[in-house]
Amino acid sequence: MTFQQFESLSLYVLVGGLIIFMGFIVWDLAKKSKAGRFGTAILFIALFLGVVGFVVKTVLVEIFNVGAG
């Protein structure tokens, strides 16, 4: 395994772990603040949009790298 392969793999594994950890943090925040169903949904939607932004950025970088070729 080359350094670049290790770096790429560890990026996705560690970012995935971070996203899961942030989900636990959001859940705990919602429970402690008594946000209710709507507030909890808003918190998780905000987290989800951040994850979607990361995925879209990754996809766009790969698309532009293929085109640059």
PDB file of N, CA and C in Angstrom:
ATOM      1  N   MET A   1       0.852  -1.176   0.000  1.00  0.00           N
ATOM      2  CA  MET A   1       0.000   0.000   0.000  1.00  0.00           C
ATOM      3  C   MET A   1       0.897   1.238   0.000  1.00  0.00           C
ATOM      4  N   THR A   2       0.648   2.103  -0.938  1.00  0.00           N
ATOM      5  CA  THR A   2       1.431   3.327  -1.019  1.00  0.00           C
ATOM      6  C   THR A   2       0.911   4.350  -0.013  1.00  0.00           C
ATOM      7  N   PHE A   3       1.693   5.379   0.188  1.00  0.00           N
ATOM      8  CA  PHE A   3       1.304   6.427   1.120  1.00  0.00           C
ATOM      9  C   PHE A   3       0.035   7.123   0.650  1.00  0.00           C
ATOM     10  N   GLN A   4      -0.096   7.336  -0.649  1.00  0.00           N
ATOM     11  CA  GLN A   4      -1.289   8.008  -1.172  1.00  0.00           C
ATOM     12  C   GLN A   4      -2.537   7.165  -0.960  1.00  0.00           C
ATOM     13  N   GLN A   5      -2.437   5.854  -1.138  1.00  0.00           N
ATOM     14  CA  GLN A   5      -3.576   4.980  -0.902  1.00  0.00           C
ATOM     15  C   GLN A   5      -3.960   4.987   0.573  1.00  0.00           C
ATOM     16  N   PHE A   6      -2.953   4.913   1.448  1.00  0.00           N
ATOM     17  CA  PHE A   6      -3.204   4.953   2.883  1.00  0.00           C
ATOM     18  C   PHE A   6      -3.846   6.269   3.286  1.00  0.00           C
ATOM     19  N   GLU A   7      -3.350   7.359   2.726  1.00  0.00           N
ATOM     20  CA  GLU A   7      -3.883   8.684   3.042  1.00  0.00           C
ATOM     21  C   GLU A   7      -5.343   8.803   2.602  1.00  0.00           C
ATOM     22  N   SER A   8      -5.655   8.331   1.418  1.00  0.00           N
ATOM     23  CA  SER A   8      -7.020   8.398   0.905  1.00  0.00           C
ATOM     24  C   SER A   8      -7.962   7.539   1.744  1.00  0.00           C
ATOM     25  N   LEU A   9      -7.539   6.321   2.047  1.00  0.00           N
ATOM     26  CA  LEU A   9      -8.364   5.422   2.850  1.00  0.00           C
ATOM     27  C   LEU A   9      -8.581   5.978   4.248  1.00  0.00           C
ATOM     28  N   SER A  10      -7.539   6.456   4.868  1.00  0.00           N
ATOM     29  CA  SER A  10      -7.673   6.968   6.234  1.00  0.00           C
ATOM     30  C   SER A  10      -8.530   8.237   6.261  1.00  0.00           C
ATOM     31  N   LEU A  11      -8.488   9.039   5.207  1.00  0.00           N
ATOM     32  CA  LEU A  11      -9.351  10.225   5.144  1.00  0.00           C
ATOM     33  C   LEU A  11     -10.810   9.832   5.247  1.00  0.00           C
ATOM     34  N   TYR A  12     -11.231   8.871   4.441  1.00  0.00           N
ATOM     35  CA  TYR A  12     -12.633   8.475   4.437  1.00  0.00           C
ATOM     36  C   TYR A  12     -13.031   7.761   5.724  1.00  0.00           C
ATOM     37  N   VAL A  13     -12.151   6.930   6.254  1.00  0.00           N
ATOM     38  CA  VAL A  13     -12.464   6.220   7.495  1.00  0.00           C
ATOM     39  C   VAL A  13     -12.560   7.201   8.655  1.00  0.00           C
ATOM     40  N   LEU A  14     -11.597   8.100   8.773  1.00  0.00           N
ATOM     41  CA  LEU A  14     -11.594   9.032   9.890  1.00  0.00           C
ATOM     42  C   LEU A  14     -12.699  10.078   9.773  1.00  0.00           C
ATOM     43  N   VAL A  15     -12.973  10.550   8.580  1.00  0.00           N
ATOM     44  CA  VAL A  15     -14.076  11.504   8.404  1.00  0.00           C
ATOM     45  C   VAL A  15     -15.408  10.811   8.685  1.00  0.00           C
ATOM     46  N   GLY A  16     -15.541   9.565   8.267  1.00  0.00           N
ATOM     47  CA  GLY A  16     -16.752   8.803   8.583  1.00  0.00           C
ATOM     48  C   GLY A  16     -16.935   8.637  10.084  1.00  0.00           C
ATOM     49  N   GLY A  17     -15.846   8.314  10.776  1.00  0.00           N
ATOM     50  CA  GLY A  17     -15.901   8.213  12.235  1.00  0.00           C
ATOM     51  C   GLY A  17     -16.251   9.537  12.880  1.00  0.00           C
ATOM     52  N   LEU A  18     -15.705  10.611  12.349  1.00  0.00           N
ATOM     53  CA  LEU A  18     -16.001  11.942  12.878  1.00  0.00           C
ATOM     54  C   LEU A  18     -17.478  12.292  12.686  1.00  0.00           C
ATOM     55  N   ILE A  19     -18.041  11.941  11.553  1.00  0.00           N
ATOM     56  CA  ILE A  19     -19.450  12.212  11.282  1.00  0.00           C
ATOM     57  C   ILE A  19     -20.338  11.431  12.248  1.00  0.00           C
ATOM     58  N   ILE A  20     -19.989  10.170  12.488  1.00  0.00           N
ATOM     59  CA  ILE A  20     -20.752   9.369  13.447  1.00  0.00           C
ATOM     60  C   ILE A  20     -20.647   9.968  14.842  1.00  0.00           C
ATOM     61  N   PHE A  21     -19.450  10.372  15.240  1.00  0.00           N
ATOM     62  CA  PHE A  21     -19.252  11.002  16.545  1.00  0.00           C
ATOM     63  C   PHE A  21     -20.050  12.297  16.651  1.00  0.00           C
ATOM     64  N   MET A  22     -20.071  13.081  15.583  1.00  0.00           N
ATOM     65  CA  MET A  22     -20.847  14.321  15.593  1.00  0.00           C
ATOM     66  C   MET A  22     -22.343  14.026  15.693  1.00  0.00           C
ATOM     67  N   GLY A  23     -22.788  12.898  15.118  1.00  0.00           N
ATOM     68  CA  GLY A  23     -24.181  12.492  15.270  1.00  0.00           C
ATOM     69  C   GLY A  23     -24.524  12.229  16.727  1.00  0.00           C
ATOM     70  N   PHE A  24     -23.617  11.557  17.451  1.00  0.00           N
ATOM     71  CA  PHE A  24     -23.835  11.340  18.882  1.00  0.00           C
ATOM     72  C   PHE A  24     -23.851  12.656  19.647  1.00  0.00           C
ATOM     73  N   ILE A  25     -22.986  13.575  19.267  1.00  0.00           N
ATOM     74  CA  ILE A  25     -22.949  14.879  19.919  1.00  0.00           C
ATOM     75  C   ILE A  25     -24.259  15.633  19.684  1.00  0.00           C
ATOM     76  N   VAL A  26     -24.758  15.618  18.464  1.00  0.00           N
ATOM     77  CA  VAL A  26     -26.018  16.300  18.138  1.00  0.00           C
ATOM     78  C   VAL A  26     -27.168  15.660  18.905  1.00  0.00           C
ATOM     79  N   TRP A  27     -27.188  14.336  18.976  1.00  0.00           N
ATOM     80  CA  TRP A  27     -28.240  13.640  19.709  1.00  0.00           C
ATOM     81  C   TRP A  27     -28.214  14.041  21.189  1.00  0.00           C
ATOM     82  N   ASP A  28     -27.019  14.061  21.783  1.00  0.00           N
ATOM     83  CA  ASP A  28     -26.886  14.448  23.188  1.00  0.00           C
ATOM     84  C   ASP A  28     -27.301  15.907  23.400  1.00  0.00           C
ATOM     85  N   LEU A  29     -26.894  16.776  22.483  1.00  0.00           N
ATOM     86  CA  LEU A  29     -27.270  18.187  22.568  1.00  0.00           C
ATOM     87  C   LEU A  29     -28.785  18.353  22.499  1.00  0.00           C
ATOM     88  N   ALA A  30     -29.422  17.613  21.611  1.00  0.00           N
ATOM     89  CA  ALA A  30     -30.878  17.709  21.471  1.00  0.00           C
ATOM     90  C   ALA A  30     -31.585  17.214  22.732  1.00  0.00           C
ATOM     91  N   LYS A  31     -31.079  16.144  23.316  1.00  0.00           N
ATOM     92  CA  LYS A  31     -31.710  15.615  24.528  1.00  0.00           C
ATOM     93  C   LYS A  31     -31.511  16.555  25.716  1.00  0.00           C
ATOM     94  N   LYS A  32     -30.297  17.077  25.884  1.00  0.00           N
ATOM     95  CA  LYS A  32     -30.012  17.934  27.035  1.00  0.00           C
ATOM     96  C   LYS A  32     -30.726  19.281  26.937  1.00  0.00           C
ATOM     97  N   SER A  33     -30.912  19.771  25.729  1.00  0.00           N
ATOM     98  CA  SER A  33     -31.577  21.066  25.562  1.00  0.00           C
ATOM     99  C   SER A  33     -33.088  20.923  25.423  1.00  0.00           C
ATOM    100  N   LYS A  34     -33.583  19.676  25.438  1.00  0.00           N
ATOM    101  CA  LYS A  34     -35.011  19.389  25.296  1.00  0.00           C
ATOM    102  C   LYS A  34     -35.566  20.047  24.029  1.00  0.00           C
ATOM    103  N   ALA A  35     -34.887  19.775  22.922  1.00  0.00           N
ATOM    104  CA  ALA A  35     -35.229  20.414  21.654  1.00  0.00           C
ATOM    105  C   ALA A  35     -36.536  19.905  21.064  1.00  0.00           C
ATOM    106  N   GLY A  36     -36.988  18.743  21.447  1.00  0.00           N
ATOM    107  CA  GLY A  36     -38.205  18.183  20.863  1.00  0.00           C
ATOM    108  C   GLY A  36     -37.917  17.550  19.516  1.00  0.00           C
ATOM    109  N   ARG A  37     -38.962  17.038  18.904  1.00  0.00           N
ATOM    110  CA  ARG A  37     -38.776  16.353  17.613  1.00  0.00           C
ATOM    111  C   ARG A  37     -38.355  17.315  16.510  1.00  0.00           C
ATOM    112  N   PHE A  38     -39.014  18.461  16.455  1.00  0.00           N
ATOM    113  CA  PHE A  38     -38.705  19.415  15.380  1.00  0.00           C
ATOM    114  C   PHE A  38     -37.290  19.967  15.524  1.00  0.00           C
ATOM    115  N   GLY A  39     -36.908  20.345  16.723  1.00  0.00           N
ATOM    116  CA  GLY A  39     -35.568  20.876  16.955  1.00  0.00           C
ATOM    117  C   GLY A  39     -34.496  19.849  16.680  1.00  0.00           C
ATOM    118  N   THR A  40     -34.745  18.599  17.097  1.00  0.00           N
ATOM    119  CA  THR A  40     -33.796  17.517  16.829  1.00  0.00           C
ATOM    120  C   THR A  40     -33.672  17.292  15.330  1.00  0.00           C
ATOM    121  N   ALA A  41     -34.790  17.337  14.614  1.00  0.00           N
ATOM    122  CA  ALA A  41     -34.758  17.166  13.162  1.00  0.00           C
ATOM    123  C   ALA A  41     -33.948  18.281  12.503  1.00  0.00           C
ATOM    124  N   ILE A  42     -34.115  19.504  12.967  1.00  0.00           N
ATOM    125  CA  ILE A  42     -33.359  20.625  12.396  1.00  0.00           C
ATOM    126  C   ILE A  42     -31.869  20.441  12.640  1.00  0.00           C
ATOM    127  N   LEU A  43     -31.504  20.002  13.846  1.00  0.00           N
ATOM    128  CA  LEU A  43     -30.086  19.773  14.148  1.00  0.00           C
ATOM    129  C   LEU A  43     -29.496  18.696  13.244  1.00  0.00           C
ATOM    130  N   PHE A  44     -30.230  17.607  13.047  1.00  0.00           N
ATOM    131  CA  PHE A  44     -29.720  16.529  12.200  1.00  0.00           C
ATOM    132  C   PHE A  44     -29.724  16.922  10.723  1.00  0.00           C
ATOM    133  N   ILE A  45     -30.665  17.745  10.308  1.00  0.00           N
ATOM    134  CA  ILE A  45     -30.667  18.237   8.920  1.00  0.00           C
ATOM    135  C   ILE A  45     -29.426  19.086   8.672  1.00  0.00           C
ATOM    136  N   ALA A  46     -29.052  19.916   9.651  1.00  0.00           N
ATOM    137  CA  ALA A  46     -27.849  20.735   9.504  1.00  0.00           C
ATOM    138  C   ALA A  46     -26.608  19.856   9.401  1.00  0.00           C
ATOM    139  N   LEU A  47     -26.536  18.811  10.229  1.00  0.00           N
ATOM    140  CA  LEU A  47     -25.407  17.877  10.150  1.00  0.00           C
ATOM    141  C   LEU A  47     -25.399  17.164   8.806  1.00  0.00           C
ATOM    142  N   PHE A  48     -26.581  16.739   8.344  1.00  0.00           N
ATOM    143  CA  PHE A  48     -26.696  16.042   7.069  1.00  0.00           C
ATOM    144  C   PHE A  48     -26.247  16.927   5.904  1.00  0.00           C
ATOM    145  N   LEU A  49     -26.615  18.200   5.944  1.00  0.00           N
ATOM    146  CA  LEU A  49     -26.204  19.108   4.863  1.00  0.00           C
ATOM    147  C   LEU A  49     -24.686  19.287   4.838  1.00  0.00           C
ATOM    148  N   GLY A  50     -24.069  19.292   5.993  1.00  0.00           N
ATOM    149  CA  GLY A  50     -22.606  19.354   6.042  1.00  0.00           C
ATOM    150  C   GLY A  50     -21.972  18.123   5.415  1.00  0.00           C
ATOM    151  N   VAL A  51     -22.540  16.963   5.693  1.00  0.00           N
ATOM    152  CA  VAL A  51     -22.038  15.714   5.110  1.00  0.00           C
ATOM    153  C   VAL A  51     -22.243  15.715   3.602  1.00  0.00           C
ATOM    154  N   VAL A  52     -23.406  16.171   3.162  1.00  0.00           N
ATOM    155  CA  VAL A  52     -23.687  16.245   1.722  1.00  0.00           C
ATOM    156  C   VAL A  52     -22.694  17.186   1.033  1.00  0.00           C
ATOM    157  N   GLY A  53     -22.366  18.284   1.681  1.00  0.00           N
ATOM    158  CA  GLY A  53     -21.379  19.206   1.121  1.00  0.00           C
ATOM    159  C   GLY A  53     -20.028  18.548   0.946  1.00  0.00           C
ATOM    160  N   PHE A  54     -19.613  17.739   1.924  1.00  0.00           N
ATOM    161  CA  PHE A  54     -18.336  17.023   1.826  1.00  0.00           C
ATOM    162  C   PHE A  54     -18.362  16.027   0.676  1.00  0.00           C
ATOM    163  N   VAL A  55     -19.461  15.300   0.543  1.00  0.00           N
ATOM    164  CA  VAL A  55     -19.569  14.296  -0.527  1.00  0.00           C
ATOM    165  C   VAL A  55     -19.599  14.965  -1.894  1.00  0.00           C
ATOM    166  N   VAL A  56     -20.359  16.047  -2.035  1.00  0.00           N
ATOM    167  CA  VAL A  56     -20.445  16.759  -3.314  1.00  0.00           C
ATOM    168  C   VAL A  56     -19.074  17.317  -3.703  1.00  0.00           C
ATOM    169  N   LYS A  57     -18.346  17.861  -2.732  1.00  0.00           N
ATOM    170  CA  LYS A  57     -17.006  18.385  -3.011  1.00  0.00           C
ATOM    171  C   LYS A  57     -16.093  17.271  -3.515  1.00  0.00           C
ATOM    172  N   THR A  58     -16.167  16.106  -2.871  1.00  0.00           N
ATOM    173  CA  THR A  58     -15.330  14.975  -3.277  1.00  0.00           C
ATOM    174  C   THR A  58     -15.679  14.519  -4.688  1.00  0.00           C
ATOM    175  N   VAL A  59     -16.968  14.440  -4.986  1.00  0.00           N
ATOM    176  CA  VAL A  59     -17.403  14.008  -6.319  1.00  0.00           C
ATOM    177  C   VAL A  59     -16.960  15.019  -7.375  1.00  0.00           C
ATOM    178  N   LEU A  60     -17.117  16.306  -7.105  1.00  0.00           N
ATOM    179  CA  LEU A  60     -16.714  17.332  -8.074  1.00  0.00           C
ATOM    180  C   LEU A  60     -15.213  17.318  -8.319  1.00  0.00           C
ATOM    181  N   VAL A  61     -14.428  17.107  -7.277  1.00  0.00           N
ATOM    182  CA  VAL A  61     -12.974  17.037  -7.451  1.00  0.00           C
ATOM    183  C   VAL A  61     -12.616  15.853  -8.339  1.00  0.00           C
ATOM    184  N   GLU A  62     -13.258  14.710  -8.119  1.00  0.00           N
ATOM    185  CA  GLU A  62     -12.978  13.541  -8.955  1.00  0.00           C
ATOM    186  C   GLU A  62     -13.420  13.765 -10.398  1.00  0.00           C
ATOM    187  N   ILE A  63     -14.558  14.407 -10.607  1.00  0.00           N
ATOM    188  CA  ILE A  63     -15.042  14.674 -11.969  1.00  0.00           C
ATOM    189  C   ILE A  63     -14.062  15.603 -12.692  1.00  0.00           C
ATOM    190  N   PHE A  64     -13.617  16.663 -12.022  1.00  0.00           N
ATOM    191  CA  PHE A  64     -12.699  17.593 -12.666  1.00  0.00           C
ATOM    192  C   PHE A  64     -11.327  16.984 -12.888  1.00  0.00           C
ATOM    193  N   ASN A  65     -10.887  16.068 -12.024  1.00  0.00           N
ATOM    194  CA  ASN A  65      -9.611  15.398 -12.231  1.00  0.00           C
ATOM    195  C   ASN A  65      -9.675  14.440 -13.415  1.00  0.00           C
ATOM    196  N   VAL A  66     -10.815  13.794 -13.627  1.00  0.00           N
ATOM    197  CA  VAL A  66     -10.960  12.904 -14.775  1.00  0.00           C
ATOM    198  C   VAL A  66     -10.939  13.717 -16.062  1.00  0.00           C
ATOM    199  N   GLY A  67     -11.607  14.862 -16.056  1.00  0.00           N
ATOM    200  CA  GLY A  67     -11.630  15.705 -17.244  1.00  0.00           C
ATOM    201  C   GLY A  67     -10.266  16.313 -17.560  1.00  0.00           C
ATOM    202  N   ALA A  68      -9.454  16.576 -16.522  1.00  0.00           N
ATOM    203  CA  ALA A  68      -8.142  17.183 -16.748  1.00  0.00           C
ATOM    204  C   ALA A  68      -7.154  16.159 -17.265  1.00  0.00           C
ATOM    205  N   GLY A  69      -7.423  14.892 -16.986  1.00  0.00           N
ATOM    206  CA  GLY A  69      -6.758  13.794 -17.433  1.00  0.00           C
ATOM    207  C   GLY A  69      -5.463  13.392 -17.627  1.00  0.00           C
TER     208      GLY A  69
END
